[in-house]
Protein backbone atom coordinates (compact mmCIF):
# COMPACT_ATOMS: atom_id res chain seq x y z
CA UNK A 1 -3.40 -62.79 -57.59
CA UNK A 2 -2.58 -64.53 -60.83
CA UNK A 3 -2.95 -62.42 -63.94
CA UNK A 4 -5.66 -64.56 -65.52
CA UNK A 5 -7.62 -64.46 -62.27
CA UNK A 6 -7.38 -60.68 -62.33
CA UNK A 7 -8.62 -60.48 -65.89
CA UNK A 8 -11.52 -62.82 -65.15
CA UNK A 9 -12.37 -60.98 -61.91
CA UNK A 10 -12.77 -57.70 -63.78
CA UNK A 11 -9.43 -56.26 -62.68
CA UNK A 12 -7.56 -56.02 -65.98
CA UNK A 13 -5.49 -53.00 -64.90
CA UNK A 14 -4.06 -54.91 -61.95
CA UNK A 15 -3.40 -57.91 -64.19
CA UNK A 16 -1.71 -55.74 -66.83
CA UNK A 17 0.52 -54.12 -64.21
CA UNK A 18 1.56 -57.51 -62.82
CA UNK A 19 2.26 -58.85 -66.31
CA UNK A 20 4.24 -55.74 -67.26
CA UNK A 21 6.49 -56.32 -64.24
CA UNK A 22 6.90 -59.97 -65.22
CA UNK A 23 7.82 -58.93 -68.77
CA UNK A 24 10.83 -57.01 -67.41
CA UNK A 25 12.21 -60.04 -65.56
CA UNK A 26 15.51 -61.39 -66.87
CA UNK A 27 13.95 -64.75 -67.76
CA UNK A 28 10.70 -63.35 -69.24
CA UNK A 29 11.43 -64.98 -72.61
CA UNK A 30 10.76 -68.36 -71.00
CA UNK A 31 7.09 -67.36 -70.70
CA UNK A 32 6.61 -66.34 -74.33
CA UNK A 33 4.39 -66.29 -76.31
CA UNK A 34 1.79 -66.75 -73.54
CA UNK A 35 3.09 -63.73 -71.64
CA UNK A 36 2.62 -61.35 -74.56
CA UNK A 37 -0.78 -62.72 -75.45
CA UNK A 38 -2.02 -62.45 -71.87
CA UNK A 39 -0.58 -58.93 -71.53
CA UNK A 40 -2.42 -57.91 -74.71
CA UNK A 41 -5.70 -59.35 -73.45
CA UNK A 42 -5.34 -57.55 -70.11
CA UNK A 43 -4.61 -54.24 -71.80
CA UNK A 44 -7.48 -54.74 -74.27
CA UNK A 45 -9.93 -55.52 -71.47
CA UNK A 46 -8.66 -52.45 -69.59
CA UNK A 47 -9.60 -50.36 -72.62
CA UNK A 48 -6.07 -49.60 -73.83
CA UNK A 49 -6.35 -50.87 -77.39
CA UNK A 50 -3.18 -49.10 -78.54
CA UNK A 51 -1.07 -50.73 -75.81
CA UNK A 52 -2.57 -54.13 -76.60
CA UNK A 53 -1.63 -53.69 -80.25
CA UNK A 54 1.87 -52.56 -79.33
CA UNK A 55 2.41 -55.68 -77.20
CA UNK A 56 1.29 -57.90 -80.08
CA UNK A 57 3.43 -55.99 -82.60
CA UNK A 58 6.49 -56.42 -80.38
CA UNK A 59 5.76 -60.14 -80.03
CA UNK A 60 5.46 -60.48 -83.80
CA UNK A 61 8.81 -58.72 -84.18
CA UNK A 62 10.49 -61.11 -81.77
CA UNK A 63 8.96 -64.11 -83.51
CA UNK A 64 10.24 -62.89 -86.88
CA UNK A 65 13.76 -62.62 -85.50
CA UNK A 66 13.92 -66.33 -84.64
């Protein structure tokens, strides 16, 4: 299951878990910023607003370091 499919199918927790695993991959930076944005959406749709905000804050921090 692709993450976006999971979000659209009403399974945001499954999508968030899959995306969290992807975010720990050695080459995860190659998928940014889409990875962080999609992770935040999945967490938001799952009802975890704090985690969604934390993902976005971390992404902002990485963007500022460039």
